C-alpha atoms as a PDB file:
ATOM      1  CA  ASN A   1     -33.916 -68.197-209.374  1.00  0.00           C
ATOM      2  CA  TYR A   2     -36.054 -65.466-210.862  1.00  0.00           C
ATOM      3  CA  ILE A   3     -36.480 -64.189-214.421  1.00  0.00           C
ATOM      4  CA  PHE A   4     -37.922 -60.725-214.947  1.00  0.00           C
ATOM      5  CA  ALA A   5     -39.052 -59.720-218.426  1.00  0.00           C
ATOM      6  CA  LEU A   6     -39.737 -56.209-219.628  1.00  0.00           C
ATOM      7  CA  THR A   7     -41.609 -55.578-222.827  1.00  0.00           C
ATOM      8  CA  VAL A   8     -41.810 -52.099-224.353  1.00  0.00           C
ATOM      9  CA  GLU A   9     -44.095 -51.328-227.267  1.00  0.00           C
ATOM     10  CA  ASN A  10     -44.640 -48.175-229.288  1.00  0.00           C
ATOM     11  CA  LYS A  11     -45.737 -47.306-232.836  1.00  0.00           C
ATOM     12  CA  TYR A  12     -42.370 -48.446-234.195  1.00  0.00           C
ATOM     13  CA  GLY A  13     -42.471 -51.926-232.731  1.00  0.00           C
ATOM     14  CA  ALA A  14     -41.702 -53.869-229.556  1.00  0.00           C
ATOM     15  CA  ALA A  15     -38.588 -54.687-227.569  1.00  0.00           C
ATOM     16  CA  ILE A  16     -38.174 -57.283-224.853  1.00  0.00           C
ATOM     17  CA  ASN A  17     -35.390 -57.771-222.342  1.00  0.00           C
ATOM     18  CA  THR A  18     -34.958 -60.293-219.524  1.00  0.00           C
ATOM     19  CA  VAL A  19     -32.950 -60.282-216.347  1.00  0.00           C
ATOM     20  CA  HIS A  20     -31.972 -63.501-214.572  1.00  0.00           C
ATOM     21  CA  ILE A  21     -31.557 -63.183-210.797  1.00  0.00           C
ATOM     22  CA  LYS A  22     -30.021 -66.012-208.828  1.00  0.00           C
ATOM     23  CA  CYS A  23     -30.759 -66.056-205.078  1.00  0.00           C
ATOM     24  CA  ASN A  24     -28.180 -67.336-202.649  1.00  0.00           C
ATOM     25  CA  THR A  25     -29.195 -70.136-200.312  1.00  0.00           C
ATOM     26  CA  ALA A  26     -27.477 -71.312-197.139  1.00  0.00           C
ATOM     27  CA  PRO A  27     -25.480 -74.560-197.023  1.00  0.00           C
ATOM     28  CA  THR A  28     -27.634 -77.654-196.492  1.00  0.00           C
ATOM     29  CA  SER A  29     -27.621 -81.345-195.634  1.00  0.00           C
ATOM     30  CA  GLY A  30     -24.635 -81.363-193.280  1.00  0.00           C
ATOM     31  CA  GLY A  31     -24.116 -82.762-189.821  1.00  0.00           C
ATOM     32  CA  ILE A  32     -21.870 -82.479-186.784  1.00  0.00           C
ATOM     33  CA  SER A  33     -20.166 -85.097-184.614  1.00  0.00           C
ATOM     34  CA  THR A  34     -17.971 -85.193-181.509  1.00  0.00           C
ATOM     35  CA  SER A  35     -15.199 -87.480-180.365  1.00  0.00           C
ATOM     36  CA  HIS A  36     -16.793 -88.118-176.927  1.00  0.00           C
ATOM     37  CA  SER A  37     -20.342 -88.222-175.611  1.00  0.00           C
ATOM     38  CA  LYS A  38     -19.278 -87.136-172.113  1.00  0.00           C
ATOM     39  CA  GLY A  39     -16.350 -85.482-170.419  1.00  0.00           C
ATOM     40  CA  THR A  40     -15.098 -83.344-167.565  1.00  0.00           C
ATOM     41  CA  ALA A  41     -14.953 -79.560-167.668  1.00  0.00           C
ATOM     42  CA  LEU A  42     -11.444 -78.184-168.296  1.00  0.00           C
ATOM     43  CA  LYS A  43      -9.994 -81.693-168.695  1.00  0.00           C
ATOM     44  CA  THR A  44     -11.573 -83.536-171.633  1.00  0.00           C
ATOM     45  CA  ARG A  45     -10.405 -82.695-175.170  1.00  0.00           C
ATOM     46  CA  PHE A  46     -13.342 -82.795-177.538  1.00  0.00           C
ATOM     47  CA  THR A  47     -12.891 -82.918-181.296  1.00  0.00           C
ATOM     48  CA  ILE A  48     -15.953 -81.483-182.985  1.00  0.00           C
ATOM     49  CA  THR A  49     -16.315 -82.115-186.709  1.00  0.00           C
ATOM     50  CA  ALA A  50     -18.687 -80.592-189.224  1.00  0.00           C
ATOM     51  CA  GLY A  51     -19.273 -83.348-191.728  1.00  0.00           C
ATOM     52  CA  ASN A  52     -17.975 -83.184-195.298  1.00  0.00           C
ATOM     53  CA  ASP A  53     -21.592 -83.542-196.426  1.00  0.00           C
ATOM     54  CA  TRP A  54     -22.497 -79.824-196.287  1.00  0.00           C
ATOM     55  CA  VAL A  55     -23.735 -78.806-199.751  1.00  0.00           C
ATOM     56  CA  ASP A  56     -23.355 -75.366-201.336  1.00  0.00           C
ATOM     57  CA  THR A  57     -22.043 -74.123-204.672  1.00  0.00           C
ATOM     58  CA  ASP A  58     -20.605 -70.876-203.263  1.00  0.00           C
ATOM     59  CA  LEU A  59     -17.280 -72.094-201.906  1.00  0.00           C
ATOM     60  CA  PRO A  60     -15.300 -71.954-199.728  1.00  0.00           C
ATOM     61  CA  LEU A  61     -17.460 -72.797-196.734  1.00  0.00           C
ATOM     62  CA  THR A  62     -16.493 -71.486-193.302  1.00  0.00           C
ATOM     63  CA  TYR A  63     -17.272 -73.012-189.922  1.00  0.00           C
ATOM     64  CA  THR A  64     -17.863 -71.423-186.495  1.00  0.00           C
ATOM     65  CA  PHE A  65     -18.295 -73.767-183.513  1.00  0.00           C
ATOM     66  CA  PHE A  66     -20.395 -73.107-180.394  1.00  0.00           C
ATOM     67  CA  LEU A  67     -21.391 -74.714-177.090  1.00  0.00           C
ATOM     68  CA  ARG A  68     -24.744 -74.156-175.374  1.00  0.00           C
ATOM     69  CA  ALA A  69     -27.050 -75.728-172.844  1.00  0.00           C
ATOM     70  CA  PRO A  70     -29.499 -77.720-175.002  1.00  0.00           C
ATOM     71  CA  PHE A  71     -32.651 -76.120-173.624  1.00  0.00           C
ATOM     72  CA  ASN A  72     -31.265 -72.585-173.792  1.00  0.00           C
ATOM     73  CA  THR A  73     -31.723 -71.845-177.473  1.00  0.00           C
ATOM     74  CA  SER A  74     -31.142 -68.111-177.071  1.00  0.00           C
ATOM     75  CA  SER A  75     -27.542 -68.235-175.862  1.00  0.00           C
ATOM     76  CA  LYS A  76     -24.469 -69.979-177.225  1.00  0.00           C
ATOM     77  CA  THR A  77     -20.757 -69.563-176.513  1.00  0.00           C
ATOM     78  CA  MET A  78     -18.280 -69.562-179.394  1.00  0.00           C
ATOM     79  CA  ILE A  79     -15.533 -72.128-178.861  1.00  0.00           C
ATOM     80  CA  CYS A  80     -13.682 -71.955-182.200  1.00  0.00           C
ATOM     81  CA  ALA A  81     -13.560 -68.847-184.352  1.00  0.00           C
ATOM     82  CA  THR A  82     -14.702 -68.804-187.957  1.00  0.00           C
ATOM     83  CA  SER A  83     -12.308 -70.620-190.293  1.00  0.00           C
ATOM     84  CA  VAL A  84     -12.274 -72.931-193.314  1.00  0.00           C
ATOM     85  CA  SER A  85     -11.374 -75.874-191.076  1.00  0.00           C
ATOM     86  CA  HIS A  86     -14.319 -78.185-190.455  1.00  0.00           C
ATOM     87  CA  ASN A  87     -12.720 -79.424-187.201  1.00  0.00           C
ATOM     88  CA  CYS A  88     -12.549 -77.794-183.782  1.00  0.00           C
ATOM     89  CA  GLN A  89     -10.518 -78.882-180.769  1.00  0.00           C
ATOM     90  CA  ASP A  90     -12.365 -77.840-177.620  1.00  0.00           C
ATOM     91  CA  VAL A  91      -9.766 -78.539-174.979  1.00  0.00           C
ATOM     92  CA  VAL A  92     -11.467 -76.720-172.145  1.00  0.00           C
ATOM     93  CA  SER A  93     -15.215 -77.112-172.487  1.00  0.00           C
ATOM     94  CA  SER A  94     -17.032 -75.642-169.579  1.00  0.00           C
ATOM     95  CA  GLY A  95     -19.943 -77.422-168.001  1.00  0.00           C
ATOM     96  CA  ASP A  96     -22.135 -77.707-164.974  1.00  0.00           C
ATOM     97  CA  ASP A  97     -23.091 -81.366-164.650  1.00  0.00           C
ATOM     98  CA  GLN A  98     -25.612 -81.318-167.468  1.00  0.00           C
ATOM     99  CA  TRP A  99     -26.105 -82.124-171.115  1.00  0.00           C
ATOM    100  CA  ASN A 100     -24.697 -79.482-173.451  1.00  0.00           C
ATOM    101  CA  ALA A 101     -24.856 -79.112-177.209  1.00  0.00           C
ATOM    102  CA  PHE A 102     -22.065 -78.493-179.700  1.00  0.00           C
ATOM    103  CA  LEU A 103     -23.283 -76.529-182.727  1.00  0.00           C
ATOM    104  CA  VAL A 104     -21.680 -75.367-185.937  1.00  0.00           C
ATOM    105  CA  ASP A 105     -22.660 -72.439-188.125  1.00  0.00           C
ATOM    106  CA  VAL A 106     -21.694 -73.149-191.739  1.00  0.00           C
ATOM    107  CA  SER A 107     -21.505 -70.154-194.093  1.00  0.00           C
ATOM    108  CA  ASP A 108     -20.889 -69.842-197.808  1.00  0.00           C
ATOM    109  CA  THR A 109     -18.681 -67.220-199.421  1.00  0.00           C
ATOM    110  CA  TYR A 110     -21.607 -64.733-199.573  1.00  0.00           C
ATOM    111  CA  GLY A 111     -22.508 -65.157-195.880  1.00  0.00           C
ATOM    112  CA  ALA A 112     -25.596 -67.355-196.160  1.00  0.00           C
ATOM    113  CA  THR A 113     -25.496 -69.426-192.957  1.00  0.00           C
ATOM    114  CA  SER A 114     -27.044 -72.625-191.591  1.00  0.00           C
ATOM    115  CA  THR A 115     -26.760 -74.009-188.062  1.00  0.00           C
ATOM    116  CA  SER A 116     -26.337 -77.739-187.513  1.00  0.00           C
ATOM    117  CA  ASP A 117     -29.602 -79.388-186.613  1.00  0.00           C
ATOM    118  CA  PRO A 118     -29.651 -81.589-184.744  1.00  0.00           C
ATOM    119  CA  SER A 119     -26.730 -80.542-182.614  1.00  0.00           C
ATOM    120  CA  SER A 120     -24.286 -82.981-181.048  1.00  0.00           C
ATOM    121  CA  LEU A 121     -25.175 -83.528-177.362  1.00  0.00           C
ATOM    122  CA  VAL A 122     -22.478 -84.191-174.759  1.00  0.00           C
ATOM    123  CA  TYR A 123     -22.617 -84.537-170.981  1.00  0.00           C
ATOM    124  CA  ILE A 124     -20.059 -82.293-169.293  1.00  0.00           C
ATOM    125  CA  GLU A 125     -19.508 -82.673-165.582  1.00  0.00           C
ATOM    126  CA  VAL A 126     -17.674 -80.335-163.245  1.00  0.00           C
ATOM    127  CA  SER A 127     -14.452 -81.791-161.878  1.00  0.00           C
ATOM    128  CA  ALA A 128     -14.443 -81.982-158.094  1.00  0.00           C
ATOM    129  CA  SER A 129     -10.725 -81.098-158.130  1.00  0.00           C
ATOM    130  CA  LEU A 130     -11.527 -77.776-159.840  1.00  0.00           C
ATOM    131  CA  GLN A 131     -14.210 -76.611-157.422  1.00  0.00           C
ATOM    132  CA  SER A 132     -11.954 -74.171-155.591  1.00  0.00           C
ATOM    133  CA  VAL A 133     -10.422 -70.968-156.872  1.00  0.00           C
ATOM    134  CA  THR A 134      -6.919 -72.157-155.930  1.00  0.00           C
ATOM    135  CA  ASN A 135      -7.239 -75.475-157.780  1.00  0.00           C
ATOM    136  CA  LEU A 136      -8.803 -73.735-160.773  1.00  0.00           C
ATOM    137  CA  SER A 137      -5.973 -71.197-160.881  1.00  0.00           C
ATOM    138  CA  ASN A 138      -3.253 -73.844-160.475  1.00  0.00           C
ATOM    139  CA  PHE A 139      -4.791 -75.887-163.286  1.00  0.00           C
ATOM    140  CA  THR A 140      -5.597 -73.153-165.812  1.00  0.00           C
ATOM    141  CA  LEU A 141      -2.682 -70.703-165.530  1.00  0.00           C
ATOM    142  CA  PRO A 142      -0.046 -73.074-167.013  1.00  0.00           C
ATOM    143  CA  LEU A 143      -2.467 -73.971-169.833  1.00  0.00           C
ATOM    144  CA  LEU A 144      -3.172 -70.291-170.498  1.00  0.00           C
ATOM    145  CA  ASP A 145       0.576 -69.496-170.540  1.00  0.00           C
ATOM    146  CA  LEU A 146       1.121 -72.291-173.061  1.00  0.00           C
ATOM    147  CA  ALA A 147      -1.770 -71.143-175.261  1.00  0.00           C
ATOM    148  CA  ILE A 148      -0.461 -67.566-175.270  1.00  0.00           C
ATOM    149  CA  ARG A 149       3.105 -68.702-176.026  1.00  0.00           C
ATOM    150  CA  ASP A 150       1.817 -70.833-178.933  1.00  0.00           C
ATOM    151  CA  SER A 151      -0.457 -68.001-180.193  1.00  0.00           C
ATOM    152  CA  ASP A 152      -3.395 -70.414-179.836  1.00  0.00           C
ATOM    153  CA  VAL A 153      -6.241 -67.902-179.661  1.00  0.00           C
ATOM    154  CA  ASP A 154      -9.037 -70.506-179.569  1.00  0.00           C
ATOM    155  CA  THR A 155      -7.570 -72.356-176.572  1.00  0.00           C
ATOM    156  CA  ALA A 156      -6.830 -69.112-174.691  1.00  0.00           C
ATOM    157  CA  TYR A 157     -10.411 -67.947-175.304  1.00  0.00           C
ATOM    158  CA  GLN A 158     -11.837 -71.333-174.262  1.00  0.00           C
ATOM    159  CA  LEU A 159      -9.788 -71.297-171.040  1.00  0.00           C
ATOM    160  CA  LEU A 160     -10.967 -67.813-170.096  1.00  0.00           C
ATOM    161  CA  VAL A 161     -14.633 -68.578-170.801  1.00  0.00           C
ATOM    162  CA  ALA A 162     -14.522 -71.953-169.059  1.00  0.00           C
ATOM    163  CA  SER A 163     -12.723 -70.484-166.036  1.00  0.00           C
ATOM    164  CA  ALA A 164     -15.327 -67.727-165.722  1.00  0.00           C
ATOM    165  CA  GLU A 165     -18.121 -70.292-165.942  1.00  0.00           C
ATOM    166  CA  ALA A 166     -16.391 -72.489-163.341  1.00  0.00           C
ATOM    167  CA  VAL A 167     -16.158 -69.515-160.968  1.00  0.00           C
ATOM    168  CA  ASN A 168     -19.847 -68.730-161.593  1.00  0.00           C
ATOM    169  CA  TYR A 169     -20.647 -72.366-160.806  1.00  0.00           C
ATOM    170  CA  MET A 170     -18.659 -72.130-157.571  1.00  0.00           C
ATOM    171  CA  GLU A 171     -20.438 -68.925-156.619  1.00  0.00           C
ATOM    172  CA  ALA A 172     -23.797 -70.574-157.227  1.00  0.00           C
ATOM    173  CA  THR A 173     -22.984 -73.514-154.952  1.00  0.00           C
ATOM    174  CA  GLN A 174     -21.131 -71.850-152.106  1.00  0.00           C
ATOM    175  CA  ARG A 175     -20.128 -68.520-150.638  1.00  0.00           C
ATOM    176  CA  HIS A 176     -16.393 -67.887-150.282  1.00  0.00           C
ATOM    177  CA  LEU A 177     -14.924 -66.098-147.295  1.00  0.00           C
ATOM    178  CA  ILE A 178     -11.444 -64.630-147.681  1.00  0.00           C
ATOM    179  CA  SER A 179      -9.438 -63.686-144.623  1.00  0.00           C
ATOM    180  CA  CYS A 180      -5.973 -62.151-144.525  1.00  0.00           C
ATOM    181  CA  ASP A 181      -3.581 -61.751-141.637  1.00  0.00           C
ATOM    182  CA  ASN A 182      -1.539 -58.606-140.935  1.00  0.00           C
ATOM    183  CA  ILE A 183       1.382 -59.656-143.166  1.00  0.00           C
ATOM    184  CA  GLY A 184      -0.771 -60.270-146.241  1.00  0.00           C
ATOM    185  CA  ASP A 185      -1.180 -64.052-146.160  1.00  0.00           C
ATOM    186  CA  CYS A 186      -4.726 -64.874-147.240  1.00  0.00           C
ATOM    187  CA  SER A 187      -6.821 -67.997-147.086  1.00  0.00           C
ATOM    188  CA  THR A 188     -10.210 -68.914-148.503  1.00  0.00           C
ATOM    189  CA  THR A 189     -12.902 -70.779-146.609  1.00  0.00           C
ATOM    190  CA  SER A 190     -16.292 -71.794-147.855  1.00  0.00           C
ATOM    191  CA  GLU A 191     -19.672 -71.375-146.244  1.00  0.00           C
ATOM    192  CA  ALA A 192     -22.591 -73.399-147.592  1.00  0.00           C
END
């Protein structure tokens, strides 16, 4: 908070006026927790919760949830869009056999924002059954259809991001060869 005072004087006397300026600060003191400390990409349902202990006088608070590799502080992937709910269901977390961090950005009504620190670390492994394009497609398409039918934007977004990351993981570990016969039947083989 700041107080500015202005005093004006002339031969007729003096006048003084003050202005009080209140500065907005970001929410403080809160934490984040997850329902599991480890899981499998595209299979484990994580519940991420921003604690009720976030403090700010400029309500309501909003929450945006992210996932990132813990040593990559420059990049994070949104998993649940900004809302007043302090919970996020991350049904389809992507991963690549490493520790990842769930984060939450908490904002007050004027946009002042804090990021959870420390984050909540989870180990997310890649499912062996999802390490082919066919298995990935067979697994994710019914879930994507259901998310679209239910107008569940967060789950649809999570599925698309996680599927893209799973394909990138596959590409990093093996090269895929696609061959088609003369009637259009195609098969995929892998070359290490």
